[in-house]
Amino acid sequence: MSHHSRDNQGFTITELLVSIGIVSVILMVVISNQSVYTNNIALTNLADDISLTISQTQAYGIGVKELSPGSSNFNASFGVTFSLLGSGSNSAYLSFADRNGNEVYDGDWTCPIGGVSECLGKIDIARGNYIESLCVVRTSGADLCDIGRVDISFVRPSTEAQLHFLNADGQSFNPPNMKGTKVVLKSPSGSVRSVVIYQTGQVSVQ
C-alpha cells in the first residue's frame, strides 16, 4: 500500500476556513481605515474651502468689486455668516453683500438671490460633515463655544475682519477679550477640524 506524504496534500477544510477568516479580517481593517482616511480628507477639504471663501470675501471687501454685474454699485462690503440658530443650519453657510453697511447679514437663510437680497450664495456642506460649534477666541481665558451665530465681514479699505456675534438665544453681544472666532467642523467618524478667523484678518486652519 502506498502512502502519500503530508507535503503532497492540499488544504484541509479547517485550514481553508482559517485562511478565509484571516483574509476577511485584513480586508475589514483595510476598508475601515480607508473610510476613516477618506472622511478625514473630506473634512480637511471642507476646512480649506471655508478658509478660501473667507479669503476671497476679504479680497472682495477691500478691493473694488461691483455688487452685481451692471449695477455700478461698488460700495457694498462682503461677508460670510455661520448660524446654528433655528433660522440657520449646521450643514451650510452663506456669503453675502452688506448693502446697508451694518456689517451683518440681513436676510433669510433660504438665501434668495437677486433683487434687494443680500445673499450671494448658500454653500452646502457635503458627506455628512457639519458645523459642531461656533466659538469666540479670546486673548485670555478659554474659548466661548456656545455661540449661536457669527457674521464676518470686511469693510473697504481695511483688511481687518468685522465680527458680530449672537448668543444661543439669538441676542447680539460683545464678548470680552475677543480676538477672533472659530468654526469647529466635525465628520461622521468624529474627526475635528477648525477654521479660525482673527480680527486682524488672518485665517488659520487647525
N, C-alpha and C. Protein backbone atom coordinates (compact mmCIF):
# COMPACT_ATOMS: atom_id res chain seq x y z
N MET A 1 0.87 -1.18 0.00
CA MET A 1 0.00 0.00 0.00
C MET A 1 0.90 1.22 0.00
N SER A 2 0.62 2.11 -0.92
CA SER A 2 1.43 3.34 -0.99
C SER A 2 0.81 4.41 -0.11
N HIS A 3 1.68 5.23 0.45
CA HIS A 3 1.22 6.32 1.31
C HIS A 3 1.73 7.64 0.75
N HIS A 4 0.83 8.64 0.64
CA HIS A 4 1.22 9.98 0.20
C HIS A 4 1.75 10.75 1.39
N SER A 5 2.79 11.48 1.19
CA SER A 5 3.32 12.31 2.28
C SER A 5 2.43 13.52 2.51
N ARG A 6 2.57 14.13 3.72
CA ARG A 6 1.79 15.33 4.10
C ARG A 6 2.04 16.47 3.11
N ASP A 7 3.27 16.51 2.55
CA ASP A 7 3.63 17.61 1.65
C ASP A 7 2.82 17.60 0.37
N ASN A 8 2.26 16.46 0.01
CA ASN A 8 1.51 16.37 -1.24
C ASN A 8 0.02 16.60 -1.04
N GLN A 9 -0.39 16.81 0.20
CA GLN A 9 -1.81 17.02 0.46
C GLN A 9 -2.18 18.48 0.29
N GLY A 10 -3.44 18.78 -0.04
CA GLY A 10 -3.92 20.15 -0.14
C GLY A 10 -4.40 20.67 1.20
N PHE A 11 -5.09 21.82 1.16
CA PHE A 11 -5.65 22.39 2.39
C PHE A 11 -6.75 21.49 2.93
N THR A 12 -6.78 21.40 4.23
CA THR A 12 -7.94 20.78 4.87
C THR A 12 -9.04 21.84 4.98
N ILE A 13 -10.24 21.41 5.24
CA ILE A 13 -11.36 22.34 5.39
C ILE A 13 -11.08 23.34 6.51
N THR A 14 -10.53 22.85 7.60
CA THR A 14 -10.23 23.73 8.74
C THR A 14 -9.21 24.79 8.36
N GLU A 15 -8.17 24.40 7.67
CA GLU A 15 -7.13 25.35 7.25
C GLU A 15 -7.71 26.39 6.28
N LEU A 16 -8.58 25.93 5.38
CA LEU A 16 -9.19 26.84 4.42
C LEU A 16 -10.06 27.88 5.12
N LEU A 17 -10.84 27.43 6.10
CA LEU A 17 -11.71 28.35 6.83
C LEU A 17 -10.90 29.36 7.63
N VAL A 18 -9.81 28.89 8.24
CA VAL A 18 -8.95 29.79 9.00
C VAL A 18 -8.33 30.84 8.07
N SER A 19 -7.88 30.42 6.90
CA SER A 19 -7.28 31.35 5.92
C SER A 19 -8.29 32.39 5.45
N ILE A 20 -9.51 31.94 5.16
CA ILE A 20 -10.56 32.87 4.73
C ILE A 20 -10.86 33.87 5.85
N GLY A 21 -10.88 33.38 7.10
CA GLY A 21 -11.13 34.28 8.24
C GLY A 21 -10.06 35.34 8.38
N ILE A 22 -8.81 34.95 8.22
CA ILE A 22 -7.70 35.90 8.34
C ILE A 22 -7.77 36.95 7.24
N VAL A 23 -8.02 36.49 6.00
CA VAL A 23 -8.14 37.43 4.88
C VAL A 23 -9.31 38.39 5.09
N SER A 24 -10.41 37.88 5.60
CA SER A 24 -11.59 38.73 5.83
C SER A 24 -11.30 39.81 6.86
N VAL A 25 -10.59 39.45 7.93
CA VAL A 25 -10.23 40.44 8.96
C VAL A 25 -9.32 41.51 8.39
N ILE A 26 -8.34 41.09 7.60
CA ILE A 26 -7.42 42.06 6.97
C ILE A 26 -8.18 43.01 6.07
N LEU A 27 -9.10 42.46 5.26
CA LEU A 27 -9.89 43.32 4.36
C LEU A 27 -10.76 44.29 5.13
N MET A 28 -11.34 43.84 6.23
CA MET A 28 -12.18 44.73 7.04
C MET A 28 -11.37 45.87 7.62
N VAL A 29 -10.16 45.57 8.09
CA VAL A 29 -9.30 46.62 8.65
C VAL A 29 -8.91 47.62 7.57
N VAL A 30 -8.55 47.11 6.38
CA VAL A 30 -8.16 48.00 5.27
C VAL A 30 -9.31 48.90 4.86
N ILE A 31 -10.50 48.31 4.71
CA ILE A 31 -11.68 49.10 4.29
C ILE A 31 -12.04 50.13 5.34
N SER A 32 -11.97 49.73 6.62
CA SER A 32 -12.29 50.67 7.70
C SER A 32 -11.30 51.83 7.72
N ASN A 33 -10.02 51.53 7.60
CA ASN A 33 -9.01 52.59 7.59
C ASN A 33 -9.16 53.50 6.38
N GLN A 34 -9.53 52.91 5.24
CA GLN A 34 -9.73 53.71 4.03
C GLN A 34 -10.90 54.66 4.21
N SER A 35 -11.97 54.19 4.87
CA SER A 35 -13.13 55.04 5.12
C SER A 35 -12.77 56.21 6.03
N VAL A 36 -12.01 55.93 7.10
CA VAL A 36 -11.59 56.99 8.02
C VAL A 36 -10.70 57.99 7.29
N TYR A 37 -9.78 57.47 6.48
CA TYR A 37 -8.88 58.35 5.72
C TYR A 37 -9.67 59.25 4.77
N THR A 38 -10.64 58.66 4.07
CA THR A 38 -11.46 59.44 3.13
C THR A 38 -12.26 60.52 3.86
N ASN A 39 -12.83 60.16 5.03
CA ASN A 39 -13.58 61.14 5.81
C ASN A 39 -12.69 62.28 6.29
N ASN A 40 -11.47 61.94 6.71
CA ASN A 40 -10.53 62.97 7.17
C ASN A 40 -10.15 63.92 6.05
N ILE A 41 -9.92 63.36 4.86
CA ILE A 41 -9.58 64.19 3.70
C ILE A 41 -10.74 65.11 3.36
N ALA A 42 -11.98 64.58 3.38
CA ALA A 42 -13.15 65.40 3.06
C ALA A 42 -13.32 66.53 4.06
N LEU A 43 -13.05 66.24 5.35
CA LEU A 43 -13.18 67.27 6.38
C LEU A 43 -12.10 68.34 6.22
N THR A 44 -10.89 67.91 5.90
CA THR A 44 -9.81 68.87 5.66
C THR A 44 -10.12 69.75 4.46
N ASN A 45 -10.66 69.14 3.41
CA ASN A 45 -11.05 69.93 2.22
C ASN A 45 -12.13 70.94 2.56
N LEU A 46 -13.08 70.54 3.42
CA LEU A 46 -14.13 71.47 3.84
C LEU A 46 -13.53 72.66 4.57
N ALA A 47 -12.62 72.40 5.51
CA ALA A 47 -11.97 73.49 6.24
C ALA A 47 -11.20 74.40 5.29
N ASP A 48 -10.51 73.82 4.32
CA ASP A 48 -9.77 74.62 3.34
C ASP A 48 -10.73 75.45 2.48
N ASP A 49 -11.87 74.87 2.10
CA ASP A 49 -12.84 75.60 1.27
C ASP A 49 -13.40 76.80 2.04
N ILE A 50 -13.70 76.62 3.32
CA ILE A 50 -14.21 77.73 4.13
C ILE A 50 -13.15 78.81 4.25
N SER A 51 -11.91 78.40 4.47
CA SER A 51 -10.81 79.37 4.56
C SER A 51 -10.66 80.16 3.27
N LEU A 52 -10.75 79.47 2.13
CA LEU A 52 -10.63 80.16 0.84
C LEU A 52 -11.81 81.09 0.59
N THR A 53 -13.02 80.67 1.00
CA THR A 53 -14.19 81.53 0.83
C THR A 53 -14.04 82.81 1.62
N ILE A 54 -13.54 82.71 2.84
CA ILE A 54 -13.34 83.90 3.68
C ILE A 54 -12.25 84.79 3.10
N SER A 55 -11.17 84.18 2.61
CA SER A 55 -10.09 84.96 1.99
C SER A 55 -10.58 85.67 0.74
N GLN A 56 -11.41 84.99 -0.04
CA GLN A 56 -11.97 85.62 -1.24
C GLN A 56 -12.90 86.77 -0.85
N THR A 57 -13.69 86.55 0.20
CA THR A 57 -14.58 87.61 0.69
C THR A 57 -13.76 88.81 1.15
N GLN A 58 -12.64 88.56 1.80
CA GLN A 58 -11.76 89.64 2.24
C GLN A 58 -11.25 90.42 1.04
N ALA A 59 -10.86 89.70 -0.02
CA ALA A 59 -10.38 90.36 -1.24
C ALA A 59 -11.48 91.21 -1.88
N TYR A 60 -12.72 90.68 -1.89
CA TYR A 60 -13.85 91.45 -2.42
C TYR A 60 -14.10 92.69 -1.57
N GLY A 61 -14.03 92.50 -0.25
CA GLY A 61 -14.35 93.60 0.65
C GLY A 61 -13.40 94.76 0.56
N ILE A 62 -12.11 94.47 0.42
CA ILE A 62 -11.12 95.56 0.40
C ILE A 62 -10.79 96.00 -1.01
N GLY A 63 -11.24 95.24 -2.00
CA GLY A 63 -11.00 95.60 -3.39
C GLY A 63 -12.17 96.37 -3.98
N VAL A 64 -12.12 96.57 -5.26
CA VAL A 64 -13.21 97.26 -5.95
C VAL A 64 -14.02 96.22 -6.70
N LYS A 65 -15.07 95.73 -6.07
CA LYS A 65 -15.93 94.73 -6.70
C LYS A 65 -17.34 95.27 -6.83
N GLU A 66 -17.88 95.12 -8.00
CA GLU A 66 -19.24 95.56 -8.26
C GLU A 66 -20.22 94.62 -7.56
N LEU A 67 -21.23 95.19 -6.94
CA LEU A 67 -22.20 94.38 -6.20
C LEU A 67 -22.81 93.32 -7.09
N SER A 68 -23.22 93.70 -8.28
CA SER A 68 -23.72 92.75 -9.28
C SER A 68 -23.41 93.33 -10.65
N PRO A 69 -23.22 92.49 -11.66
CA PRO A 69 -22.86 92.98 -12.99
C PRO A 69 -23.84 94.03 -13.50
N GLY A 70 -23.31 95.20 -13.87
CA GLY A 70 -24.13 96.27 -14.42
C GLY A 70 -24.80 97.15 -13.40
N SER A 71 -24.57 96.87 -12.09
CA SER A 71 -25.25 97.65 -11.05
C SER A 71 -24.57 98.99 -10.80
N SER A 72 -23.30 99.12 -11.18
CA SER A 72 -22.50 100.33 -10.92
C SER A 72 -22.43 100.66 -9.43
N ASN A 73 -22.65 99.63 -8.58
CA ASN A 73 -22.58 99.80 -7.13
C ASN A 73 -21.31 99.13 -6.62
N PHE A 74 -20.35 99.95 -6.19
CA PHE A 74 -19.08 99.43 -5.70
C PHE A 74 -18.90 99.72 -4.20
N ASN A 75 -19.99 100.05 -3.53
CA ASN A 75 -19.90 100.49 -2.14
C ASN A 75 -20.16 99.39 -1.11
N ALA A 76 -20.68 98.27 -1.54
CA ALA A 76 -21.05 97.23 -0.59
C ALA A 76 -19.83 96.53 -0.02
N SER A 77 -19.94 96.15 1.25
CA SER A 77 -18.95 95.28 1.87
C SER A 77 -19.40 93.83 1.65
N PHE A 78 -18.50 92.90 1.91
CA PHE A 78 -18.83 91.50 1.68
C PHE A 78 -18.50 90.68 2.92
N GLY A 79 -19.26 89.59 3.11
CA GLY A 79 -19.05 88.80 4.31
C GLY A 79 -19.52 87.36 4.18
N VAL A 80 -19.32 86.61 5.26
CA VAL A 80 -19.76 85.22 5.37
C VAL A 80 -20.44 85.06 6.72
N THR A 81 -21.53 84.31 6.76
CA THR A 81 -22.24 84.10 8.02
C THR A 81 -22.41 82.61 8.29
N PHE A 82 -22.23 82.25 9.57
CA PHE A 82 -22.44 80.89 10.05
C PHE A 82 -23.48 80.96 11.17
N SER A 83 -24.47 80.08 11.14
CA SER A 83 -25.53 80.14 12.14
C SER A 83 -25.95 78.76 12.59
N LEU A 84 -26.07 78.58 13.90
CA LEU A 84 -26.59 77.35 14.49
C LEU A 84 -27.95 77.59 15.13
N LEU A 85 -28.51 78.77 14.90
CA LEU A 85 -29.83 79.10 15.43
C LEU A 85 -30.91 78.42 14.61
N GLY A 86 -32.14 78.53 15.06
CA GLY A 86 -33.24 77.88 14.37
C GLY A 86 -33.38 78.31 12.93
N SER A 87 -33.02 79.57 12.64
CA SER A 87 -33.15 80.07 11.28
C SER A 87 -31.94 79.71 10.42
N GLY A 88 -30.92 79.10 11.04
CA GLY A 88 -29.70 78.77 10.31
C GLY A 88 -29.59 77.28 10.03
N SER A 89 -28.36 76.81 9.94
CA SER A 89 -28.14 75.41 9.64
C SER A 89 -26.71 75.03 10.00
N ASN A 90 -26.54 73.82 10.52
CA ASN A 90 -25.18 73.36 10.81
C ASN A 90 -24.57 72.63 9.62
N SER A 91 -25.28 72.62 8.49
CA SER A 91 -24.77 71.94 7.30
C SER A 91 -24.67 72.89 6.10
N ALA A 92 -24.58 74.19 6.38
CA ALA A 92 -24.44 75.17 5.30
C ALA A 92 -23.96 76.49 5.88
N TYR A 93 -23.43 77.35 5.01
CA TYR A 93 -23.10 78.72 5.39
C TYR A 93 -23.34 79.62 4.19
N LEU A 94 -23.45 80.93 4.45
CA LEU A 94 -23.83 81.89 3.40
C LEU A 94 -22.74 82.92 3.16
N SER A 95 -22.61 83.33 1.92
CA SER A 95 -21.83 84.52 1.59
C SER A 95 -22.81 85.64 1.27
N PHE A 96 -22.47 86.87 1.67
CA PHE A 96 -23.43 87.95 1.50
C PHE A 96 -22.75 89.27 1.16
N ALA A 97 -23.54 90.16 0.61
CA ALA A 97 -23.12 91.54 0.34
C ALA A 97 -23.84 92.44 1.33
N ASP A 98 -23.08 93.21 2.08
CA ASP A 98 -23.67 94.08 3.10
C ASP A 98 -24.14 95.38 2.44
N ARG A 99 -25.38 95.38 2.01
CA ARG A 99 -25.92 96.53 1.26
C ARG A 99 -26.09 97.77 2.13
N ASN A 100 -26.50 97.60 3.39
CA ASN A 100 -26.83 98.76 4.21
C ASN A 100 -25.71 99.16 5.17
N GLY A 101 -24.58 98.47 5.13
CA GLY A 101 -23.42 98.88 5.91
C GLY A 101 -23.49 98.57 7.39
N ASN A 102 -24.38 97.66 7.81
CA ASN A 102 -24.47 97.35 9.24
C ASN A 102 -23.58 96.16 9.64
N GLU A 103 -22.83 95.63 8.69
CA GLU A 103 -21.82 94.60 8.91
C GLU A 103 -22.39 93.25 9.33
N VAL A 104 -23.67 93.03 9.07
CA VAL A 104 -24.28 91.73 9.33
C VAL A 104 -25.17 91.35 8.15
N TYR A 105 -25.49 90.05 8.07
CA TYR A 105 -26.38 89.57 7.01
C TYR A 105 -27.82 89.81 7.41
N ASP A 106 -28.53 90.58 6.61
CA ASP A 106 -29.95 90.83 6.82
C ASP A 106 -30.73 90.07 5.76
N GLY A 107 -31.18 88.90 6.11
CA GLY A 107 -31.91 88.14 5.11
C GLY A 107 -32.29 86.76 5.62
N ASP A 108 -32.96 86.05 4.75
CA ASP A 108 -33.47 84.72 5.06
C ASP A 108 -32.39 83.67 4.80
N TRP A 109 -32.37 82.62 5.63
CA TRP A 109 -31.36 81.57 5.45
C TRP A 109 -31.61 80.74 4.20
N THR A 110 -32.78 80.86 3.61
CA THR A 110 -33.03 80.16 2.35
C THR A 110 -32.24 80.77 1.21
N CYS A 111 -31.68 81.95 1.45
CA CYS A 111 -30.78 82.61 0.51
C CYS A 111 -31.43 82.94 -0.83
N PRO A 112 -32.45 83.79 -0.81
CA PRO A 112 -32.98 84.27 -2.10
C PRO A 112 -31.93 85.15 -2.77
N ILE A 113 -31.72 84.97 -4.04
CA ILE A 113 -30.70 85.72 -4.77
C ILE A 113 -31.37 86.66 -5.76
N GLY A 114 -30.86 87.89 -5.83
CA GLY A 114 -31.41 88.87 -6.76
C GLY A 114 -32.25 89.91 -6.03
N GLY A 115 -32.65 90.92 -6.75
CA GLY A 115 -33.44 91.99 -6.16
C GLY A 115 -32.65 92.72 -5.10
N VAL A 116 -33.26 92.93 -3.94
CA VAL A 116 -32.59 93.62 -2.85
C VAL A 116 -31.97 92.65 -1.83
N SER A 117 -31.98 91.36 -2.13
CA SER A 117 -31.44 90.37 -1.22
C SER A 117 -29.94 90.56 -1.04
N GLU A 118 -29.46 90.36 0.20
CA GLU A 118 -28.03 90.45 0.47
C GLU A 118 -27.30 89.13 0.22
N CYS A 119 -28.04 88.04 0.10
CA CYS A 119 -27.40 86.74 -0.06
C CYS A 119 -26.79 86.58 -1.45
N LEU A 120 -25.54 86.16 -1.48
CA LEU A 120 -24.85 85.91 -2.75
C LEU A 120 -24.78 84.43 -3.07
N GLY A 121 -24.84 83.61 -2.04
CA GLY A 121 -24.77 82.17 -2.29
C GLY A 121 -24.84 81.37 -1.01
N LYS A 122 -25.43 80.19 -1.11
CA LYS A 122 -25.51 79.27 0.01
C LYS A 122 -24.62 78.07 -0.30
N ILE A 123 -23.67 77.80 0.58
CA ILE A 123 -22.73 76.70 0.36
C ILE A 123 -23.11 75.55 1.27
N ASP A 124 -23.59 74.46 0.68
CA ASP A 124 -23.99 73.29 1.46
C ASP A 124 -22.77 72.44 1.81
N ILE A 125 -22.76 71.90 3.01
CA ILE A 125 -21.68 71.04 3.48
C ILE A 125 -22.05 69.59 3.19
N ALA A 126 -21.18 68.88 2.46
CA ALA A 126 -21.49 67.54 1.99
C ALA A 126 -20.85 66.45 2.84
N ARG A 127 -21.14 65.19 2.47
CA ARG A 127 -20.53 63.98 3.03
C ARG A 127 -20.82 63.80 4.52
N GLY A 128 -21.90 64.38 5.01
CA GLY A 128 -22.27 64.20 6.40
C GLY A 128 -21.48 65.03 7.39
N ASN A 129 -20.54 65.84 6.89
CA ASN A 129 -19.81 66.75 7.77
C ASN A 129 -20.74 67.86 8.23
N TYR A 130 -20.41 68.50 9.34
CA TYR A 130 -21.28 69.55 9.85
C TYR A 130 -20.50 70.50 10.76
N ILE A 131 -21.12 71.64 11.04
CA ILE A 131 -20.54 72.61 11.97
C ILE A 131 -20.94 72.18 13.38
N GLU A 132 -19.97 71.79 14.17
CA GLU A 132 -20.28 71.33 15.52
C GLU A 132 -20.52 72.50 16.46
N SER A 133 -19.72 73.55 16.35
CA SER A 133 -19.88 74.70 17.24
C SER A 133 -19.22 75.94 16.65
N LEU A 134 -19.64 77.09 17.16
CA LEU A 134 -19.04 78.39 16.83
C LEU A 134 -18.48 78.97 18.12
N CYS A 135 -17.28 79.49 18.05
CA CYS A 135 -16.60 79.93 19.27
C CYS A 135 -16.08 81.36 19.15
N VAL A 136 -15.95 82.00 20.30
CA VAL A 136 -15.22 83.26 20.41
C VAL A 136 -13.81 82.91 20.88
N VAL A 137 -12.81 83.32 20.11
CA VAL A 137 -11.41 83.12 20.51
C VAL A 137 -10.98 84.37 21.26
N ARG A 138 -10.43 84.19 22.47
CA ARG A 138 -10.12 85.33 23.33
C ARG A 138 -8.62 85.48 23.57
N THR A 139 -8.21 86.68 23.91
CA THR A 139 -6.81 86.95 24.22
C THR A 139 -6.41 86.30 25.53
N SER A 140 -7.36 86.10 26.42
CA SER A 140 -7.11 85.42 27.69
C SER A 140 -8.36 84.66 28.08
N GLY A 141 -8.16 83.53 28.73
CA GLY A 141 -9.30 82.72 29.10
C GLY A 141 -9.65 81.73 28.00
N ALA A 142 -10.50 80.77 28.35
CA ALA A 142 -10.89 79.73 27.40
C ALA A 142 -11.82 80.29 26.32
N ASP A 143 -11.83 79.61 25.17
CA ASP A 143 -12.76 79.99 24.11
C ASP A 143 -14.20 79.85 24.60
N LEU A 144 -15.07 80.72 24.10
CA LEU A 144 -16.50 80.63 24.40
C LEU A 144 -17.18 79.95 23.21
N CYS A 145 -17.68 78.74 23.43
CA CYS A 145 -18.19 77.95 22.30
C CYS A 145 -19.68 77.68 22.38
N ASP A 146 -20.43 78.61 22.95
CA ASP A 146 -21.89 78.48 22.97
C ASP A 146 -22.53 79.56 22.10
N ILE A 147 -21.84 79.91 21.02
CA ILE A 147 -22.29 80.98 20.13
C ILE A 147 -23.36 80.45 19.18
N GLY A 148 -24.38 81.26 18.94
CA GLY A 148 -25.45 80.86 18.03
C GLY A 148 -25.18 81.25 16.59
N ARG A 149 -24.47 82.36 16.40
CA ARG A 149 -24.22 82.84 15.04
C ARG A 149 -23.06 83.82 15.05
N VAL A 150 -22.30 83.82 13.96
CA VAL A 150 -21.25 84.81 13.78
C VAL A 150 -21.27 85.29 12.33
N ASP A 151 -21.19 86.61 12.17
CA ASP A 151 -21.09 87.24 10.85
C ASP A 151 -19.70 87.85 10.72
N ILE A 152 -19.03 87.54 9.62
CA ILE A 152 -17.67 88.01 9.37
C ILE A 152 -17.71 88.85 8.10
N SER A 153 -17.31 90.11 8.21
CA SER A 153 -17.34 90.97 7.02
C SER A 153 -16.07 91.81 6.95
N PHE A 154 -15.83 92.34 5.76
CA PHE A 154 -14.64 93.16 5.51
C PHE A 154 -15.08 94.46 4.84
N VAL A 155 -14.68 95.56 5.46
CA VAL A 155 -15.11 96.89 5.01
C VAL A 155 -13.92 97.62 4.40
N ARG A 156 -14.06 98.04 3.16
CA ARG A 156 -13.00 98.77 2.48
C ARG A 156 -12.63 100.04 3.24
N PRO A 157 -11.35 100.40 3.38
CA PRO A 157 -10.16 99.74 2.81
C PRO A 157 -9.44 98.86 3.81
N SER A 158 -10.07 98.53 4.94
CA SER A 158 -9.40 97.77 6.00
C SER A 158 -9.33 96.28 5.66
N THR A 159 -8.22 95.65 6.04
CA THR A 159 -8.08 94.20 5.87
C THR A 159 -8.57 93.45 7.11
N GLU A 160 -8.94 94.20 8.15
CA GLU A 160 -9.38 93.56 9.39
C GLU A 160 -10.80 93.01 9.25
N ALA A 161 -11.06 91.94 9.99
CA ALA A 161 -12.39 91.32 9.96
C ALA A 161 -13.30 91.98 10.99
N GLN A 162 -14.51 92.28 10.57
CA GLN A 162 -15.54 92.79 11.47
C GLN A 162 -16.37 91.58 11.93
N LEU A 163 -16.35 91.29 13.23
CA LEU A 163 -17.00 90.11 13.77
C LEU A 163 -18.19 90.49 14.62
N HIS A 164 -19.33 89.92 14.30
CA HIS A 164 -20.55 90.20 15.07
C HIS A 164 -21.14 88.88 15.52
N PHE A 165 -21.44 88.79 16.83
CA PHE A 165 -21.87 87.55 17.45
C PHE A 165 -23.31 87.63 17.96
N LEU A 166 -24.02 86.51 17.84
CA LEU A 166 -25.30 86.31 18.51
C LEU A 166 -25.15 85.12 19.45
N ASN A 167 -25.71 85.23 20.65
CA ASN A 167 -25.62 84.11 21.58
C ASN A 167 -26.64 83.03 21.22
N ALA A 168 -26.72 82.00 22.06
CA ALA A 168 -27.62 80.88 21.77
C ALA A 168 -29.09 81.28 21.76
N ASP A 169 -29.41 82.43 22.37
CA ASP A 169 -30.78 82.94 22.37
C ASP A 169 -31.05 83.90 21.22
N GLY A 170 -30.05 84.10 20.37
CA GLY A 170 -30.22 84.98 19.22
C GLY A 170 -30.04 86.45 19.52
N GLN A 171 -29.44 86.74 20.69
CA GLN A 171 -29.22 88.14 21.09
C GLN A 171 -27.79 88.57 20.76
N SER A 172 -27.66 89.77 20.23
CA SER A 172 -26.34 90.31 19.90
C SER A 172 -25.57 90.61 21.18
N PHE A 173 -24.28 90.31 21.19
CA PHE A 173 -23.47 90.63 22.37
C PHE A 173 -22.01 90.82 21.96
N ASN A 174 -21.26 91.53 22.82
CA ASN A 174 -19.84 91.78 22.59
C ASN A 174 -19.03 91.00 23.63
N PRO A 175 -18.43 89.89 23.23
CA PRO A 175 -17.69 89.06 24.20
C PRO A 175 -16.41 89.76 24.67
N PRO A 176 -16.02 89.58 25.92
CA PRO A 176 -14.81 90.22 26.44
C PRO A 176 -13.55 89.56 25.88
N ASN A 177 -12.48 90.36 25.75
CA ASN A 177 -11.16 89.87 25.34
C ASN A 177 -11.19 89.14 24.00
N MET A 178 -12.09 89.53 23.12
CA MET A 178 -12.24 88.84 21.85
C MET A 178 -11.11 89.20 20.88
N LYS A 179 -10.53 88.17 20.26
CA LYS A 179 -9.53 88.42 19.22
C LYS A 179 -9.86 87.69 17.92
N GLY A 180 -10.93 86.88 17.94
CA GLY A 180 -11.30 86.18 16.72
C GLY A 180 -12.45 85.23 16.94
N THR A 181 -12.74 84.45 15.92
CA THR A 181 -13.81 83.45 16.01
C THR A 181 -13.33 82.14 15.43
N LYS A 182 -13.93 81.05 15.88
CA LYS A 182 -13.53 79.71 15.41
C LYS A 182 -14.76 78.93 14.98
N VAL A 183 -14.68 78.36 13.79
CA VAL A 183 -15.73 77.48 13.28
C VAL A 183 -15.23 76.05 13.43
N VAL A 184 -15.88 75.27 14.29
CA VAL A 184 -15.45 73.90 14.56
C VAL A 184 -16.25 72.95 13.69
N LEU A 185 -15.55 72.15 12.90
CA LEU A 185 -16.18 71.22 11.96
C LEU A 185 -15.96 69.78 12.42
N LYS A 186 -16.96 68.93 12.16
CA LYS A 186 -16.85 67.53 12.59
C LYS A 186 -17.35 66.60 11.50
N SER A 187 -16.71 65.44 11.40
CA SER A 187 -17.10 64.44 10.41
C SER A 187 -17.96 63.37 11.06
N PRO A 188 -18.64 62.53 10.27
CA PRO A 188 -19.45 61.46 10.85
C PRO A 188 -18.63 60.50 11.70
N SER A 189 -17.34 60.36 11.40
CA SER A 189 -16.48 59.45 12.16
C SER A 189 -15.91 60.08 13.42
N GLY A 190 -16.20 61.38 13.63
CA GLY A 190 -15.74 62.05 14.84
C GLY A 190 -14.49 62.88 14.71
N SER A 191 -13.91 62.95 13.51
CA SER A 191 -12.74 63.80 13.30
C SER A 191 -13.13 65.27 13.37
N VAL A 192 -12.20 66.11 13.81
CA VAL A 192 -12.50 67.52 14.02
C VAL A 192 -11.45 68.39 13.32
N ARG A 193 -11.90 69.45 12.66
CA ARG A 193 -11.04 70.48 12.10
C ARG A 193 -11.65 71.84 12.48
N SER A 194 -10.83 72.85 12.54
CA SER A 194 -11.33 74.19 12.89
C SER A 194 -10.76 75.22 11.93
N VAL A 195 -11.57 76.23 11.67
CA VAL A 195 -11.12 77.40 10.91
C VAL A 195 -11.20 78.59 11.85
N VAL A 196 -10.07 79.24 12.07
CA VAL A 196 -10.01 80.38 12.98
C VAL A 196 -9.83 81.65 12.16
N ILE A 197 -10.70 82.64 12.43
CA ILE A 197 -10.63 83.94 11.75
C ILE A 197 -10.33 84.99 12.81
N TYR A 198 -9.19 85.63 12.70
CA TYR A 198 -8.79 86.63 13.68
C TYR A 198 -9.26 88.02 13.24
N GLN A 199 -9.39 88.91 14.22
CA GLN A 199 -9.77 90.29 13.90
C GLN A 199 -8.79 90.95 12.93
N THR A 200 -7.54 90.52 12.97
CA THR A 200 -6.53 91.09 12.08
C THR A 200 -6.79 90.75 10.61
N GLY A 201 -7.66 89.77 10.37
CA GLY A 201 -7.93 89.32 9.02
C GLY A 201 -7.24 88.02 8.66
N GLN A 202 -6.38 87.55 9.55
CA GLN A 202 -5.68 86.28 9.32
C GLN A 202 -6.66 85.12 9.46
N VAL A 203 -6.51 84.12 8.58
CA VAL A 203 -7.34 82.92 8.61
C VAL A 203 -6.44 81.72 8.78
N SER A 204 -6.77 80.84 9.73
CA SER A 204 -5.94 79.67 10.02
C SER A 204 -6.79 78.42 10.08
N VAL A 205 -6.31 77.34 9.45
CA VAL A 205 -6.97 76.04 9.52
C VAL A 205 -6.22 75.18 10.52
N GLN A 206 -6.94 74.63 11.48
CA GLN A 206 -6.31 73.82 12.54
C GLN A 206 -6.92 72.42 12.60
